[in-house]
Amino acid sequence: MIRRPLTEITLKLEDLQEYENFRRDEANNTAVASEMQEDTPKSQAGGTKTTEEIHNRIGYAPKKKPSGPSTV
């Protein structure tokens, strides 16, 4: 394996300001999204989903186990 010197990373004031702006925008976006979710009705109380709904959503079709005696 080739060893190479460490890369120096410097933090500039512009980078810090850009990061702070990004954080503010993300916080505003999540606040707006949570307000929109409160306006939409839930399908069931508490927002819980049954196992069957989850399987349908992800396309999982479990194979039925035979109910008879085992031949193994």
PDB file of N, CA and C in Angstrom:
ATOM      1  N   MET A   1       0.841  -1.159   0.000  1.00  0.00           N
ATOM      2  CA  MET A   1       0.000   0.000   0.000  1.00  0.00           C
ATOM      3  C   MET A   1       0.903   1.244   0.000  1.00  0.00           C
ATOM      4  N   ILE A   2       0.541   2.222  -0.791  1.00  0.00           N
ATOM      5  CA  ILE A   2       1.326   3.446  -0.883  1.00  0.00           C
ATOM      6  C   ILE A   2       0.914   4.395   0.237  1.00  0.00           C
ATOM      7  N   ARG A   3       1.895   4.895   0.936  1.00  0.00           N
ATOM      8  CA  ARG A   3       1.610   5.871   1.989  1.00  0.00           C
ATOM      9  C   ARG A   3       1.747   7.262   1.396  1.00  0.00           C
ATOM     10  N   ARG A   4       0.826   8.117   1.754  1.00  0.00           N
ATOM     11  CA  ARG A   4       0.886   9.491   1.267  1.00  0.00           C
ATOM     12  C   ARG A   4       0.755  10.436   2.440  1.00  0.00           C
ATOM     13  N   PRO A   5       1.214  11.651   2.264  1.00  0.00           N
ATOM     14  CA  PRO A   5       1.142  12.604   3.382  1.00  0.00           C
ATOM     15  C   PRO A   5      -0.311  12.972   3.695  1.00  0.00           C
ATOM     16  N   LEU A   6      -0.545  13.375   4.934  1.00  0.00           N
ATOM     17  CA  LEU A   6      -1.873  13.772   5.361  1.00  0.00           C
ATOM     18  C   LEU A   6      -2.316  15.018   4.608  1.00  0.00           C
ATOM     19  N   THR A   7      -3.612  15.115   4.355  1.00  0.00           N
ATOM     20  CA  THR A   7      -4.172  16.274   3.674  1.00  0.00           C
ATOM     21  C   THR A   7      -4.627  17.275   4.723  1.00  0.00           C
ATOM     22  N   GLU A   8      -4.182  18.494   4.576  1.00  0.00           N
ATOM     23  CA  GLU A   8      -4.558  19.537   5.529  1.00  0.00           C
ATOM     24  C   GLU A   8      -5.877  20.164   5.090  1.00  0.00           C
ATOM     25  N   ILE A   9      -6.810  20.254   6.024  1.00  0.00           N
ATOM     26  CA  ILE A   9      -8.107  20.867   5.744  1.00  0.00           C
ATOM     27  C   ILE A   9      -8.204  22.141   6.564  1.00  0.00           C
ATOM     28  N   THR A  10      -8.458  23.242   5.867  1.00  0.00           N
ATOM     29  CA  THR A  10      -8.582  24.516   6.564  1.00  0.00           C
ATOM     30  C   THR A  10     -10.027  24.982   6.493  1.00  0.00           C
ATOM     31  N   LEU A  11     -10.498  25.549   7.583  1.00  0.00           N
ATOM     32  CA  LEU A  11     -11.853  26.057   7.659  1.00  0.00           C
ATOM     33  C   LEU A  11     -11.817  27.565   7.442  1.00  0.00           C
ATOM     34  N   LYS A  12     -12.546  28.005   6.440  1.00  0.00           N
ATOM     35  CA  LYS A  12     -12.584  29.429   6.119  1.00  0.00           C
ATOM     36  C   LYS A  12     -13.866  30.024   6.687  1.00  0.00           C
ATOM     37  N   LEU A  13     -13.869  31.315   6.893  1.00  0.00           N
ATOM     38  CA  LEU A  13     -15.034  32.006   7.408  1.00  0.00           C
ATOM     39  C   LEU A  13     -16.210  31.871   6.440  1.00  0.00           C
ATOM     40  N   GLU A  14     -15.930  31.896   5.143  1.00  0.00           N
ATOM     41  CA  GLU A  14     -16.990  31.749   4.138  1.00  0.00           C
ATOM     42  C   GLU A  14     -17.659  30.379   4.245  1.00  0.00           C
ATOM     43  N   ASP A  15     -16.852  29.341   4.490  1.00  0.00           N
ATOM     44  CA  ASP A  15     -17.394  27.999   4.630  1.00  0.00           C
ATOM     45  C   ASP A  15     -18.298  27.904   5.855  1.00  0.00           C
ATOM     46  N   LEU A  16     -17.879  28.530   6.942  1.00  0.00           N
ATOM     47  CA  LEU A  16     -18.671  28.519   8.161  1.00  0.00           C
ATOM     48  C   LEU A  16     -20.001  29.244   7.959  1.00  0.00           C
ATOM     49  N   GLN A  17     -19.979  30.373   7.273  1.00  0.00           N
ATOM     50  CA  GLN A  17     -21.206  31.115   6.997  1.00  0.00           C
ATOM     51  C   GLN A  17     -22.132  30.311   6.083  1.00  0.00           C
ATOM     52  N   GLU A  18     -21.571  29.652   5.084  1.00  0.00           N
ATOM     53  CA  GLU A  18     -22.378  28.827   4.188  1.00  0.00           C
ATOM     54  C   GLU A  18     -23.031  27.686   4.958  1.00  0.00           C
ATOM     55  N   TYR A  19     -22.299  27.081   5.886  1.00  0.00           N
ATOM     56  CA  TYR A  19     -22.838  25.996   6.695  1.00  0.00           C
ATOM     57  C   TYR A  19     -23.980  26.484   7.582  1.00  0.00           C
ATOM     58  N   GLU A  20     -23.814  27.640   8.208  1.00  0.00           N
ATOM     59  CA  GLU A  20     -24.863  28.198   9.068  1.00  0.00           C
ATOM     60  C   GLU A  20     -26.123  28.494   8.255  1.00  0.00           C
ATOM     61  N   ASN A  21     -25.955  29.043   7.054  1.00  0.00           N
ATOM     62  CA  ASN A  21     -27.115  29.304   6.194  1.00  0.00           C
ATOM     63  C   ASN A  21     -27.814  27.994   5.817  1.00  0.00           C
ATOM     64  N   PHE A  22     -27.038  26.986   5.515  1.00  0.00           N
ATOM     65  CA  PHE A  22     -27.597  25.691   5.167  1.00  0.00           C
ATOM     66  C   PHE A  22     -28.389  25.114   6.331  1.00  0.00           C
ATOM     67  N   ARG A  23     -27.846  25.193   7.551  1.00  0.00           N
ATOM     68  CA  ARG A  23     -28.542  24.689   8.743  1.00  0.00           C
ATOM     69  C   ARG A  23     -29.855  25.422   8.968  1.00  0.00           C
ATOM     70  N   ARG A  24     -29.850  26.748   8.791  1.00  0.00           N
ATOM     71  CA  ARG A  24     -31.083  27.523   8.963  1.00  0.00           C
ATOM     72  C   ARG A  24     -32.129  27.097   7.932  1.00  0.00           C
ATOM     73  N   ASP A  25     -31.700  26.933   6.685  1.00  0.00           N
ATOM     74  CA  ASP A  25     -32.632  26.524   5.636  1.00  0.00           C
ATOM     75  C   ASP A  25     -33.220  25.143   5.929  1.00  0.00           C
ATOM     76  N   GLU A  26     -32.381  24.220   6.368  1.00  0.00           N
ATOM     77  CA  GLU A  26     -32.861  22.884   6.689  1.00  0.00           C
ATOM     78  C   GLU A  26     -33.844  22.923   7.857  1.00  0.00           C
ATOM     79  N   ALA A  27     -33.573  23.742   8.863  1.00  0.00           N
ATOM     80  CA  ALA A  27     -34.485  23.851  10.000  1.00  0.00           C
ATOM     81  C   ALA A  27     -35.825  24.422   9.552  1.00  0.00           C
ATOM     82  N   ASN A  28     -35.788  25.408   8.663  1.00  0.00           N
ATOM     83  CA  ASN A  28     -37.033  25.983   8.154  1.00  0.00           C
ATOM     84  C   ASN A  28     -37.798  24.966   7.326  1.00  0.00           C
ATOM     85  N   ASN A  29     -37.094  24.186   6.505  1.00  0.00           N
ATOM     86  CA  ASN A  29     -37.744  23.182   5.667  1.00  0.00           C
ATOM     87  C   ASN A  29     -38.402  22.099   6.514  1.00  0.00           C
ATOM     88  N   THR A  30     -37.744  21.669   7.585  1.00  0.00           N
ATOM     89  CA  THR A  30     -38.333  20.631   8.426  1.00  0.00           C
ATOM     90  C   THR A  30     -39.533  21.175   9.186  1.00  0.00           C
ATOM     91  N   ALA A  31     -39.491  22.450   9.578  1.00  0.00           N
ATOM     92  CA  ALA A  31     -40.632  23.040  10.275  1.00  0.00           C
ATOM     93  C   ALA A  31     -41.837  23.108   9.342  1.00  0.00           C
ATOM     94  N   VAL A  32     -41.612  23.494   8.099  1.00  0.00           N
ATOM     95  CA  VAL A  32     -42.704  23.576   7.120  1.00  0.00           C
ATOM     96  C   VAL A  32     -43.245  22.182   6.821  1.00  0.00           C
ATOM     97  N   ALA A  33     -42.352  21.204   6.688  1.00  0.00           N
ATOM     98  CA  ALA A  33     -42.781  19.839   6.396  1.00  0.00           C
ATOM     99  C   ALA A  33     -43.600  19.265   7.544  1.00  0.00           C
ATOM    100  N   SER A  34     -43.203  19.542   8.784  1.00  0.00           N
ATOM    101  CA  SER A  34     -43.957  19.009   9.922  1.00  0.00           C
ATOM    102  C   SER A  34     -45.326  19.667  10.012  1.00  0.00           C
ATOM    103  N   GLU A  35     -45.427  20.950   9.649  1.00  0.00           N
ATOM    104  CA  GLU A  35     -46.729  21.615   9.640  1.00  0.00           C
ATOM    105  C   GLU A  35     -47.627  20.991   8.581  1.00  0.00           C
ATOM    106  N   MET A  36     -47.066  20.661   7.417  1.00  0.00           N
ATOM    107  CA  MET A  36     -47.857  20.054   6.357  1.00  0.00           C
ATOM    108  C   MET A  36     -48.326  18.668   6.760  1.00  0.00           C
ATOM    109  N   GLN A  37     -47.502  17.915   7.484  1.00  0.00           N
ATOM    110  CA  GLN A  37     -47.889  16.580   7.912  1.00  0.00           C
ATOM    111  C   GLN A  37     -49.009  16.645   8.936  1.00  0.00           C
ATOM    112  N   GLU A  38     -49.027  17.670   9.767  1.00  0.00           N
ATOM    113  CA  GLU A  38     -50.091  17.813  10.746  1.00  0.00           C
ATOM    114  C   GLU A  38     -51.422  18.076  10.066  1.00  0.00           C
ATOM    115  N   ASP A  39     -51.413  18.723   8.904  1.00  0.00           N
ATOM    116  CA  ASP A  39     -52.641  19.031   8.187  1.00  0.00           C
ATOM    117  C   ASP A  39     -53.231  17.809   7.509  1.00  0.00           C
ATOM    118  N   THR A  40     -52.385  16.842   7.124  1.00  0.00           N
ATOM    119  CA  THR A  40     -52.888  15.666   6.422  1.00  0.00           C
ATOM    120  C   THR A  40     -53.394  14.649   7.435  1.00  0.00           C
ATOM    121  N   PRO A  41     -54.536  14.021   7.181  1.00  0.00           N
ATOM    122  CA  PRO A  41     -55.077  13.043   8.132  1.00  0.00           C
ATOM    123  C   PRO A  41     -54.285  11.752   8.111  1.00  0.00           C
ATOM    124  N   LYS A  42     -54.216  11.099   9.233  1.00  0.00           N
ATOM    125  CA  LYS A  42     -53.525   9.823   9.354  1.00  0.00           C
ATOM    126  C   LYS A  42     -54.479   8.703   8.962  1.00  0.00           C
ATOM    127  N   SER A  43     -53.927   7.629   8.392  1.00  0.00           N
ATOM    128  CA  SER A  43     -54.765   6.507   7.983  1.00  0.00           C
ATOM    129  C   SER A  43     -55.293   5.747   9.199  1.00  0.00           C
ATOM    130  N   GLN A  44     -54.486   5.670  10.251  1.00  0.00           N
ATOM    131  CA  GLN A  44     -54.904   5.006  11.481  1.00  0.00           C
ATOM    132  C   GLN A  44     -54.457   5.854  12.656  1.00  0.00           C
ATOM    133  N   ALA A  45     -55.031   5.635  13.806  1.00  0.00           N
ATOM    134  CA  ALA A  45     -54.657   6.391  14.997  1.00  0.00           C
ATOM    135  C   ALA A  45     -53.207   6.080  15.348  1.00  0.00           C
ATOM    136  N   GLY A  46     -52.423   7.096  15.590  1.00  0.00           N
ATOM    137  CA  GLY A  46     -51.035   6.910  15.963  1.00  0.00           C
ATOM    138  C   GLY A  46     -50.104   6.693  14.798  1.00  0.00           C
ATOM    139  N   GLY A  47     -50.623   6.517  13.602  1.00  0.00           N
ATOM    140  CA  GLY A  47     -49.786   6.345  12.431  1.00  0.00           C
ATOM    141  C   GLY A  47     -49.130   4.984  12.347  1.00  0.00           C
ATOM    142  N   THR A  48     -49.582   3.999  13.140  1.00  0.00           N
ATOM    143  CA  THR A  48     -48.984   2.674  13.070  1.00  0.00           C
ATOM    144  C   THR A  48     -49.517   1.927  11.854  1.00  0.00           C
ATOM    145  N   LYS A  49     -48.686   1.056  11.323  1.00  0.00           N
ATOM    146  CA  LYS A  49     -49.064   0.287  10.144  1.00  0.00           C
ATOM    147  C   LYS A  49     -49.022  -1.191  10.491  1.00  0.00           C
ATOM    148  N   THR A  50     -49.910  -1.924   9.876  1.00  0.00           N
ATOM    149  CA  THR A  50     -49.914  -3.357  10.114  1.00  0.00           C
ATOM    150  C   THR A  50     -48.798  -4.009   9.311  1.00  0.00           C
ATOM    151  N   THR A  51     -48.459  -5.210   9.701  1.00  0.00           N
ATOM    152  CA  THR A  51     -47.410  -5.941   8.999  1.00  0.00           C
ATOM    153  C   THR A  51     -47.795  -6.171   7.547  1.00  0.00           C
ATOM    154  N   GLU A  52     -49.078  -6.427   7.316  1.00  0.00           N
ATOM    155  CA  GLU A  52     -49.541  -6.658   5.943  1.00  0.00           C
ATOM    156  C   GLU A  52     -49.362  -5.410   5.080  1.00  0.00           C
ATOM    157  N   GLU A  53     -49.671  -4.237   5.626  1.00  0.00           N
ATOM    158  CA  GLU A  53     -49.489  -2.986   4.869  1.00  0.00           C
ATOM    159  C   GLU A  53     -48.024  -2.761   4.527  1.00  0.00           C
ATOM    160  N   ILE A  54     -47.163  -3.037   5.483  1.00  0.00           N
ATOM    161  CA  ILE A  54     -45.724  -2.856   5.247  1.00  0.00           C
ATOM    162  C   ILE A  54     -45.241  -3.823   4.176  1.00  0.00           C
ATOM    163  N   HIS A  55     -45.676  -5.076   4.244  1.00  0.00           N
ATOM    164  CA  HIS A  55     -45.273  -6.065   3.242  1.00  0.00           C
ATOM    165  C   HIS A  55     -45.764  -5.671   1.861  1.00  0.00           C
ATOM    166  N   ASN A  56     -46.994  -5.160   1.762  1.00  0.00           N
ATOM    167  CA  ASN A  56     -47.518  -4.724   0.470  1.00  0.00           C
ATOM    168  C   ASN A  56     -46.719  -3.556  -0.083  1.00  0.00           C
ATOM    169  N   ARG A  57     -46.343  -2.641   0.796  1.00  0.00           N
ATOM    170  CA  ARG A  57     -45.617  -1.452   0.354  1.00  0.00           C
ATOM    171  C   ARG A  57     -44.241  -1.821  -0.193  1.00  0.00           C
ATOM    172  N   ILE A  58     -43.546  -2.752   0.452  1.00  0.00           N
ATOM    173  CA  ILE A  58     -42.194  -3.090   0.004  1.00  0.00           C
ATOM    174  C   ILE A  58     -42.186  -4.241  -0.992  1.00  0.00           C
ATOM    175  N   GLY A  59     -43.356  -4.822  -1.265  1.00  0.00           N
ATOM    176  CA  GLY A  59     -43.427  -5.886  -2.260  1.00  0.00           C
ATOM    177  C   GLY A  59     -42.999  -7.237  -1.743  1.00  0.00           C
ATOM    178  N   TYR A  60     -43.123  -7.453  -0.447  1.00  0.00           N
ATOM    179  CA  TYR A  60     -42.732  -8.723   0.154  1.00  0.00           C
ATOM    180  C   TYR A  60     -43.940  -9.647   0.196  1.00  0.00           C
ATOM    181  N   ALA A  61     -43.792 -10.838  -0.351  1.00  0.00           N
ATOM    182  CA  ALA A  61     -44.867 -11.826  -0.339  1.00  0.00           C
ATOM    183  C   ALA A  61     -44.351 -13.075   0.351  1.00  0.00           C
ATOM    184  N   PRO A  62     -44.583 -13.214   1.655  1.00  0.00           N
ATOM    185  CA  PRO A  62     -44.072 -14.396   2.354  1.00  0.00           C
ATOM    186  C   PRO A  62     -44.775 -15.658   1.868  1.00  0.00           C
ATOM    187  N   LYS A  63     -44.034 -16.732   1.811  1.00  0.00           N
ATOM    188  CA  LYS A  63     -44.607 -18.005   1.374  1.00  0.00           C
ATOM    189  C   LYS A  63     -45.347 -18.631   2.550  1.00  0.00           C
ATOM    190  N   LYS A  64     -46.507 -19.183   2.264  1.00  0.00           N
ATOM    191  CA  LYS A  64     -47.316 -19.818   3.298  1.00  0.00           C
ATOM    192  C   LYS A  64     -46.669 -21.133   3.713  1.00  0.00           C
ATOM    193  N   LYS A  65     -46.651 -21.376   5.004  1.00  0.00           N
ATOM    194  CA  LYS A  65     -46.101 -22.619   5.518  1.00  0.00           C
ATOM    195  C   LYS A  65     -47.183 -23.699   5.460  1.00  0.00           C
ATOM    196  N   PRO A  66     -46.824 -24.902   5.073  1.00  0.00           N
ATOM    197  CA  PRO A  66     -47.830 -25.965   5.059  1.00  0.00           C
ATOM    198  C   PRO A  66     -48.288 -26.280   6.485  1.00  0.00           C
ATOM    199  N   SER A  67     -49.572 -26.519   6.630  1.00  0.00           N
ATOM    200  CA  SER A  67     -50.114 -26.764   7.958  1.00  0.00           C
ATOM    201  C   SER A  67     -50.071 -28.238   8.343  1.00  0.00           C
ATOM    202  N   GLY A  68     -49.744 -29.091   7.418  1.00  0.00           N
ATOM    203  CA  GLY A  68     -49.711 -30.538   7.678  1.00  0.00           C
ATOM    204  C   GLY A  68     -48.471 -30.952   8.432  1.00  0.00           C
ATOM    205  N   PRO A  69     -48.359 -32.235   8.720  1.00  0.00           N
ATOM    206  CA  PRO A  69     -47.179 -32.736   9.447  1.00  0.00           C
ATOM    207  C   PRO A  69     -45.917 -32.628   8.603  1.00  0.00           C
ATOM    208  N   SER A  70     -44.830 -32.458   9.262  1.00  0.00           N
ATOM    209  CA  SER A  70     -43.545 -32.309   8.588  1.00  0.00           C
ATOM    210  C   SER A  70     -43.035 -33.664   8.089  1.00  0.00           C
ATOM    211  N   THR A  71     -42.412 -33.679   6.929  1.00  0.00           N
ATOM    212  CA  THR A  71     -41.850 -34.911   6.373  1.00  0.00           C
ATOM    213  C   THR A  71     -40.341 -34.969   6.545  1.00  0.00           C
ATOM    214  N   VAL A  72     -39.782 -34.058   7.299  1.00  0.00           N
ATOM    215  CA  VAL A  72     -38.332 -34.004   7.461  1.00  0.00           C
ATOM    216  C   VAL A  72     -37.872 -34.902   8.543  1.00  0.00           C
TER     217      VAL A  72
END
